[in-house]
Amino acid sequence: MEKLMGVIHLDSEQNLLKELTYFRCGAAVPYGSRYRLIDFVLSNMVNSQIQDIAVFTRRKYRSLMDHLGNGKPWDLDRKRGGLFILPPDWNDPTDLSKGDLQHFHNNRDFFDRGLAEYVLITGTHHICNINYEKVFQEHLKSGADVTAIYQPIQILDYEHALEKKLEINEKGEVTNITTDTSNQNLFMDMFIIKKSLLLELVDYCIARKKENLLLDGIIENLNSLTVHSYEYRGYLAVINSIESYYKHSMSLLDIDVYTQLFLNRKPIYTKPKDEPPTKYTKSARTSNSLLANGCVIDGTVENSILFRGVHVHKDAIVRNSIIMQRCEIQEGTLLENVILDKDIVISPRRTFIGAPENPYVFAKRKVM
């Protein structure tokens, strides 16, 4: 869509996942045996024909930059437009901007040089497979200043408690955005706004020493802005804690859930790895698990998610666990309700058992 450009804004998502974000930003956290959290929103944008996409990140972005590269896996390695990774570069001595407004102010060239008239702004911790083309057409049809995407949640869970909610009138217009724990209209941190209005609101907020575009630019001006709501009813996982990460990751072992996210619409793209298929030896036992390529399985894997290059040795048992890239589980070890980050070695005959509501988590590059 030539009229719509994308911004993936990571300022509020840096350390939601504790040990998993010690060395990376939340958008770079691995998910679903081969993906990163950012892959979902980035693929949704690409599948919706958005050709100019900026990623605003502030800290711990080395892993993210390594994963995204020049954007080729998403067909964003272009001579004009494509993917722009925009880490902080605050060198203007006259700059008065603060908070997330710094990204919009200091990267104004991205907006000025882009040909699109409208901007889609999103985060990455709402995992879904959404068609932004439909949202954009609804935005144009409504004539609203802003269109906010939400999902009505039938049963509110712990991951929804602190998320923003929309108060909507009978016309479908947003009258307030709050954190009311009883409100079921979950705001997905995704909205479309006209580029000229966006830059006007940024200048308005900076002139008044404000810091947050959504809070100070949109919510505080709901009386003068027309904010339309768009209801999304597809698959949605909110990843804002270790507990929600574990719960929604393990739910992918349900074929119906996996189908909703990966097979129901257009594909989710990620950085490819040239590795052989997973090898299962005669002593291997696996059931109801999701395994990426490059693994070697000599032991038992049950109800678990294994990323690329994991080695489970003979007589080792991995149960109800998430094991990330290149981990080694040596002989006689038992892991249950555990999350291992990348490059961890578990010594022979060790036992680590967590609880489903509180999994045992290891930060990467450890020998236990």
Protein backbone atom coordinates (compact mmCIF):
# COMPACT_ATOMS: atom_id res chain seq x y z
CA MET A 1 0.00 0.00 0.00
CA GLU A 2 1.72 3.14 -1.22
CA LYS A 3 -0.45 5.33 1.00
CA LEU A 4 0.53 3.60 4.27
CA MET A 5 3.93 3.37 5.98
CA GLY A 6 4.73 1.37 9.13
CA VAL A 7 6.45 2.18 12.43
CA ILE A 8 7.31 -0.59 14.90
CA HIS A 9 7.79 1.28 18.16
CA LEU A 10 9.69 -0.61 20.88
CA ASP A 11 10.16 2.03 23.58
CA SER A 12 7.75 0.47 26.10
CA GLU A 13 8.70 -3.17 25.52
CA GLN A 14 12.31 -3.45 26.62
CA ASN A 15 12.35 -5.62 29.75
CA LEU A 16 8.98 -7.33 29.94
CA LEU A 17 10.38 -10.86 29.91
CA LYS A 18 12.99 -10.70 32.69
CA GLU A 19 15.82 -13.21 31.99
CA LEU A 20 14.88 -13.41 28.31
CA THR A 21 15.49 -9.67 27.96
CA TYR A 22 18.74 -9.45 29.92
CA PHE A 23 20.72 -9.28 26.66
CA ARG A 24 18.11 -8.34 24.05
CA CYS A 25 15.06 -6.15 23.61
CA GLY A 26 11.65 -7.77 23.83
CA ALA A 27 11.09 -7.69 20.07
CA ALA A 28 14.08 -10.03 19.56
CA VAL A 29 12.89 -12.74 21.99
CA PRO A 30 12.62 -16.14 20.23
CA TYR A 31 9.12 -17.60 19.85
CA GLY A 32 7.49 -20.66 18.33
CA SER A 33 10.67 -22.74 17.68
CA ARG A 34 12.11 -20.52 14.89
CA TYR A 35 10.70 -16.99 15.05
CA ARG A 36 11.27 -13.75 16.98
CA LEU A 37 8.41 -11.68 18.38
CA ILE A 38 8.99 -8.91 15.84
CA ASP A 39 8.51 -11.36 12.95
CA PHE A 40 4.73 -11.38 13.41
CA VAL A 41 4.00 -7.67 13.14
CA LEU A 42 6.68 -7.25 10.45
CA SER A 43 5.20 -10.10 8.37
CA ASN A 44 1.70 -8.69 8.83
CA MET A 45 2.89 -5.37 7.43
CA VAL A 46 4.65 -6.97 4.48
CA ASN A 47 1.66 -9.22 3.74
CA SER A 48 -0.47 -6.06 3.71
CA GLN A 49 1.79 -4.50 1.04
CA ILE A 50 3.39 -1.90 3.34
CA GLN A 51 6.75 -1.10 1.75
CA ASP A 52 8.33 1.50 4.08
CA ILE A 53 8.82 0.22 7.64
CA ALA A 54 10.84 1.84 10.44
CA VAL A 55 11.85 0.15 13.69
CA PHE A 56 12.30 2.57 16.61
CA THR A 57 14.50 1.00 19.28
CA ARG A 58 16.38 2.55 22.19
CA ARG A 59 18.54 -0.09 23.91
CA LYS A 60 19.77 -3.70 23.69
CA TYR A 61 19.16 -3.78 19.94
CA ARG A 62 22.27 -5.70 18.77
CA SER A 63 20.40 -9.02 18.62
CA LEU A 64 17.49 -7.36 16.84
CA MET A 65 19.74 -5.79 14.19
CA ASP A 66 21.48 -9.13 13.65
CA HIS A 67 18.10 -10.81 13.12
CA LEU A 68 16.61 -8.20 10.80
CA GLY A 69 19.73 -7.50 8.73
CA ASN A 70 18.81 -5.68 5.54
CA GLY A 71 15.25 -7.01 5.61
CA LYS A 72 15.70 -9.56 2.82
CA PRO A 73 13.64 -12.38 4.42
CA TRP A 74 10.67 -9.98 4.36
CA ASP A 75 11.43 -8.67 0.84
CA LEU A 76 12.39 -5.29 2.31
CA ASP A 77 15.93 -5.01 0.86
CA ARG A 78 15.00 -2.29 -1.61
CA LYS A 79 16.81 0.55 -3.38
CA ARG A 80 14.04 2.91 -2.30
CA GLY A 81 12.12 2.42 0.90
CA GLY A 82 12.14 -0.97 2.62
CA LEU A 83 13.31 -1.56 6.19
CA PHE A 84 14.84 1.18 8.36
CA ILE A 85 16.32 0.24 11.75
CA LEU A 86 16.54 3.52 13.64
CA PRO A 87 18.37 3.32 16.98
CA PRO A 88 18.72 6.50 19.07
CA ASP A 89 20.84 9.26 17.60
CA TRP A 90 20.15 12.35 19.69
CA ASN A 91 22.78 14.80 18.39
CA ASP A 92 20.71 17.95 17.95
CA PRO A 93 21.80 20.36 20.75
CA THR A 94 18.56 22.32 20.35
CA ASP A 95 16.35 19.24 20.70
CA LEU A 96 13.80 19.57 23.51
CA SER A 97 11.97 16.29 22.90
CA LYS A 98 11.66 13.62 25.61
CA GLY A 99 10.37 10.07 25.93
CA ASP A 100 9.10 8.31 22.84
CA LEU A 101 8.64 11.66 21.11
CA GLN A 102 12.42 11.69 20.60
CA HIS A 103 12.09 8.93 18.02
CA PHE A 104 9.51 10.81 15.96
CA HIS A 105 11.36 14.13 16.23
CA ASN A 106 14.87 12.87 15.49
CA ASN A 107 13.75 10.53 12.70
CA ARG A 108 11.58 13.08 10.97
CA ASP A 109 13.44 12.47 7.71
CA PHE A 110 11.88 9.00 7.55
CA PHE A 111 8.43 10.59 7.44
CA ASP A 112 9.36 13.55 5.22
CA ARG A 113 11.00 11.38 2.56
CA GLY A 114 8.31 8.71 2.55
CA LEU A 115 5.59 9.03 -0.05
CA ALA A 116 2.84 7.57 2.14
CA GLU A 117 0.13 9.84 3.55
CA TYR A 118 -0.73 7.63 6.51
CA VAL A 119 1.23 5.86 9.25
CA LEU A 120 0.54 2.56 11.02
CA ILE A 121 2.16 2.51 14.48
CA THR A 122 2.48 -0.77 16.40
CA GLY A 123 4.39 -2.58 19.13
CA THR A 124 5.43 -6.24 19.04
CA HIS A 125 3.99 -7.93 22.12
CA HIS A 126 0.56 -8.58 20.59
CA ILE A 127 1.02 -11.72 18.47
CA CYS A 128 -1.54 -12.07 15.68
CA ASN A 129 -2.01 -12.59 11.96
CA ILE A 130 -3.93 -9.48 10.90
CA ASN A 131 -4.76 -7.91 7.56
CA TYR A 132 -3.83 -4.23 7.83
CA GLU A 133 -5.27 -3.54 4.37
CA LYS A 134 -8.77 -4.09 5.77
CA VAL A 135 -8.01 -1.83 8.72
CA PHE A 136 -6.72 0.90 6.42
CA GLN A 137 -9.75 0.76 4.14
CA GLU A 138 -12.01 1.01 7.19
CA HIS A 139 -9.98 3.99 8.38
CA LEU A 140 -10.42 5.80 5.06
CA LYS A 141 -14.12 4.96 4.96
CA SER A 142 -14.73 6.28 8.48
CA GLY A 143 -12.97 9.59 7.84
CA ALA A 144 -11.54 9.45 11.38
CA ASP A 145 -8.34 11.14 12.53
CA VAL A 146 -7.13 7.92 14.16
CA THR A 147 -8.21 4.27 13.95
CA ALA A 148 -7.31 2.13 16.98
CA ILE A 149 -7.29 -1.67 16.71
CA TYR A 150 -8.77 -3.68 19.57
CA GLN A 151 -10.09 -7.12 20.41
CA PRO A 152 -13.04 -7.86 22.70
CA ILE A 153 -11.74 -10.40 25.26
CA GLN A 154 -14.35 -12.81 26.56
CA ILE A 155 -12.36 -13.97 29.59
CA LEU A 156 -9.82 -11.51 31.00
CA ASP A 157 -6.61 -13.14 32.26
CA TYR A 158 -3.57 -11.88 34.17
CA GLU A 159 -1.76 -10.69 31.03
CA HIS A 160 -4.68 -8.38 30.22
CA ALA A 161 -4.74 -6.62 33.61
CA LEU A 162 -2.34 -3.76 32.86
CA GLU A 163 -3.00 -3.54 29.13
CA LYS A 164 -4.79 -0.49 27.75
CA LYS A 165 -8.52 -0.78 27.06
CA LEU A 166 -10.84 1.22 24.80
CA GLU A 167 -14.08 2.81 25.92
CA ILE A 168 -16.28 2.88 22.81
CA ASN A 169 -19.62 4.59 22.18
CA GLU A 170 -22.51 3.33 20.05
CA LYS A 171 -20.97 4.92 16.93
CA GLY A 172 -17.75 2.90 17.34
CA GLU A 173 -15.80 5.99 18.41
CA VAL A 174 -13.22 5.80 21.19
CA THR A 175 -14.18 8.02 24.12
CA ASN A 176 -11.31 7.03 26.43
CA ILE A 177 -8.27 4.76 26.70
CA THR A 178 -7.70 3.39 30.20
CA THR A 179 -6.26 0.43 32.13
CA ASP A 180 -9.64 -0.48 33.62
CA THR A 181 -9.27 -4.15 34.63
CA SER A 182 -12.97 -4.86 33.99
CA ASN A 183 -13.03 -3.42 30.45
CA GLN A 184 -12.93 -6.20 27.84
CA ASN A 185 -12.01 -4.06 24.81
CA LEU A 186 -8.27 -4.77 24.70
CA PHE A 187 -6.27 -2.14 22.80
CA MET A 188 -3.65 -3.93 20.70
CA ASP A 189 -1.16 -1.02 20.64
CA MET A 190 -1.85 -0.57 16.93
CA PHE A 191 -3.31 2.52 15.32
CA ILE A 192 -3.41 4.35 11.97
CA ILE A 193 -3.04 8.10 11.74
CA LYS A 194 -2.51 10.61 8.92
CA LYS A 195 1.18 11.52 8.65
CA SER A 196 0.58 15.27 8.72
CA LEU A 197 -1.54 14.94 11.87
CA LEU A 198 1.06 12.71 13.51
CA LEU A 199 3.82 15.28 12.99
CA GLU A 200 1.52 18.04 14.15
CA LEU A 201 0.80 16.16 17.39
CA VAL A 202 4.51 15.47 17.91
CA ASP A 203 5.30 19.21 17.61
CA TYR A 204 2.34 20.04 19.87
CA CYS A 205 3.56 17.66 22.60
CA ILE A 206 7.21 18.75 22.42
CA ALA A 207 6.24 22.42 22.69
CA ARG A 208 4.42 21.58 25.95
CA LYS A 209 7.28 19.41 27.30
CA LYS A 210 5.24 16.21 27.01
CA GLU A 211 6.84 12.79 26.58
CA ASN A 212 4.38 10.25 25.17
CA LEU A 213 2.59 10.37 21.82
CA LEU A 214 -0.33 8.11 22.73
CA LEU A 215 -0.91 9.50 26.23
CA ASP A 216 -0.19 13.18 25.64
CA GLY A 217 -0.93 13.51 21.94
CA ILE A 218 -4.01 11.32 21.43
CA ILE A 219 -5.65 10.41 24.75
CA GLU A 220 -5.47 13.96 26.12
CA ASN A 221 -7.00 15.28 22.87
CA LEU A 222 -9.86 12.81 22.46
CA ASN A 223 -12.32 15.69 22.77
CA SER A 224 -10.95 17.28 19.60
CA LEU A 225 -9.87 14.17 17.65
CA THR A 226 -12.14 11.59 16.06
CA VAL A 227 -10.75 8.18 17.03
CA HIS A 228 -12.46 5.25 15.32
CA SER A 229 -12.22 1.67 16.63
CA TYR A 230 -11.51 -1.41 14.52
CA GLU A 231 -12.50 -4.79 15.96
CA TYR A 232 -10.09 -7.67 15.31
CA ARG A 233 -11.45 -11.16 16.01
CA GLY A 234 -8.59 -13.44 14.94
CA TYR A 235 -5.94 -15.19 17.04
CA LEU A 236 -4.27 -12.95 19.63
CA ALA A 237 -1.60 -13.67 22.25
CA VAL A 238 -0.45 -10.92 24.61
CA ILE A 239 3.21 -11.49 25.58
CA ASN A 240 4.01 -9.16 28.47
CA SER A 241 5.51 -11.46 31.12
CA ILE A 242 7.39 -14.73 31.49
CA GLU A 243 4.13 -16.39 32.52
CA SER A 244 2.22 -15.22 29.44
CA TYR A 245 5.19 -16.07 27.20
CA TYR A 246 5.26 -19.63 28.53
CA LYS A 247 1.48 -20.06 28.39
CA HIS A 248 1.06 -18.84 24.82
CA SER A 249 4.18 -20.66 23.59
CA MET A 250 2.91 -23.95 24.97
CA SER A 251 -0.53 -23.33 23.46
CA LEU A 252 1.11 -23.62 20.01
CA LEU A 253 1.27 -27.39 20.65
CA ASP A 254 -2.50 -27.38 20.14
CA ILE A 255 -2.98 -27.90 16.40
CA ASP A 256 -6.03 -25.62 16.33
CA VAL A 257 -4.07 -22.74 17.88
CA TYR A 258 -1.08 -23.36 15.60
CA THR A 259 -3.38 -23.35 12.56
CA GLN A 260 -5.01 -20.05 13.58
CA LEU A 261 -1.66 -18.28 13.82
CA PHE A 262 0.42 -19.85 11.05
CA LEU A 263 -1.89 -21.56 8.56
CA ASN A 264 -5.11 -19.55 8.57
CA ARG A 265 -3.91 -16.58 6.51
CA LYS A 266 -0.67 -15.38 4.96
CA PRO A 267 2.73 -16.74 6.10
CA ILE A 268 4.95 -15.47 8.91
CA TYR A 269 8.50 -14.82 7.67
CA THR A 270 11.75 -15.02 9.61
CA LYS A 271 15.51 -15.08 9.10
CA PRO A 272 16.38 -18.43 7.44
CA LYS A 273 19.04 -20.80 8.74
CA ASP A 274 20.80 -23.39 6.56
CA GLU A 275 20.71 -26.42 8.87
CA PRO A 276 19.93 -30.11 8.30
CA PRO A 277 16.66 -31.73 9.37
CA THR A 278 16.36 -32.85 12.98
CA LYS A 279 17.97 -36.24 13.64
CA TYR A 280 16.12 -38.84 15.73
CA THR A 281 18.22 -41.79 16.91
CA LYS A 282 16.90 -45.23 17.90
CA SER A 283 16.65 -44.20 21.57
CA ALA A 284 14.65 -41.03 20.80
CA ARG A 285 11.11 -40.65 22.08
CA THR A 286 9.05 -37.60 21.14
CA SER A 287 5.38 -36.70 21.53
CA ASN A 288 3.25 -33.59 21.00
CA SER A 289 6.26 -31.33 20.48
CA LEU A 290 7.41 -28.62 18.10
CA LEU A 291 11.02 -29.07 16.94
CA ALA A 292 12.98 -26.85 14.59
CA ASN A 293 15.65 -28.12 12.20
CA GLY A 294 19.23 -28.93 13.24
CA CYS A 295 18.35 -30.76 16.47
CA VAL A 296 19.70 -34.13 17.58
CA ILE A 297 17.33 -36.17 19.74
CA ASP A 298 18.72 -39.19 21.62
CA GLY A 299 16.46 -38.85 24.67
CA THR A 300 12.81 -38.11 25.43
CA VAL A 301 10.94 -34.94 24.46
CA GLU A 302 7.32 -34.51 25.57
CA ASN A 303 5.00 -31.51 25.14
CA SER A 304 7.93 -29.20 24.46
CA ILE A 305 9.23 -26.60 22.00
CA LEU A 306 12.81 -26.95 20.78
CA PHE A 307 14.56 -24.31 18.69
CA ARG A 308 17.32 -24.91 16.14
CA GLY A 309 20.39 -26.97 17.01
CA VAL A 310 19.28 -28.42 20.37
CA HIS A 311 20.89 -31.71 21.44
CA VAL A 312 19.00 -33.94 23.87
CA HIS A 313 21.31 -36.76 24.96
CA LYS A 314 20.36 -40.35 25.75
CA ASP A 315 18.28 -40.89 28.91
CA ALA A 316 17.61 -37.14 29.19
CA ILE A 317 13.96 -36.09 29.58
CA VAL A 318 12.57 -32.74 28.44
CA ARG A 319 8.94 -32.25 29.40
CA ASN A 320 6.63 -29.20 29.12
CA SER A 321 9.64 -27.00 28.37
CA ILE A 322 10.98 -24.40 25.92
CA ILE A 323 14.58 -24.98 24.84
CA MET A 324 16.18 -22.29 22.67
CA GLN A 325 18.95 -22.42 20.09
CA ARG A 326 22.02 -24.61 20.53
CA CYS A 327 21.27 -25.82 24.05
CA GLU A 328 22.70 -29.16 25.13
CA ILE A 329 20.83 -31.42 27.57
CA GLN A 330 23.25 -34.10 28.71
CA GLU A 331 22.61 -37.68 29.82
CA GLY A 332 20.23 -38.48 32.64
CA THR A 333 18.93 -34.91 33.04
CA LEU A 334 15.27 -34.12 33.76
CA LEU A 335 13.80 -30.77 32.72
CA GLU A 336 10.14 -30.01 33.39
CA ASN A 337 8.34 -26.65 33.07
CA VAL A 338 11.64 -24.98 32.18
CA ILE A 339 12.68 -22.21 29.76
CA LEU A 340 16.31 -22.33 28.61
CA ASP A 341 17.65 -19.37 26.68
CA LYS A 342 20.30 -19.85 23.95
CA ASP A 343 23.61 -21.71 24.32
CA ILE A 344 22.99 -23.36 27.71
CA VAL A 345 24.62 -26.65 28.71
CA ILE A 346 22.88 -28.75 31.36
CA SER A 347 25.35 -31.16 32.98
CA PRO A 348 24.59 -34.91 33.29
CA ARG A 349 22.00 -36.15 35.80
CA ARG A 350 20.67 -32.75 36.85
CA THR A 351 17.01 -32.12 37.69
CA PHE A 352 15.20 -28.79 37.23
CA ILE A 353 11.44 -28.66 37.74
CA GLY A 354 9.37 -25.49 37.64
CA ALA A 355 5.63 -24.93 37.85
CA PRO A 356 3.34 -24.27 34.85
CA GLU A 357 2.35 -20.91 36.36
CA ASN A 358 5.97 -20.10 37.30
CA PRO A 359 8.44 -21.83 34.93
CA TYR A 360 12.13 -22.17 35.80
CA VAL A 361 14.02 -19.69 33.54
CA PHE A 362 17.73 -19.65 32.68
CA ALA A 363 19.43 -16.66 31.03
CA LYS A 364 21.58 -17.56 28.04
CA ARG A 365 25.15 -18.89 27.86
CA LYS A 366 25.27 -20.76 31.16
CA VAL A 367 26.58 -24.16 32.24
CA MET A 368 24.41 -25.72 34.91
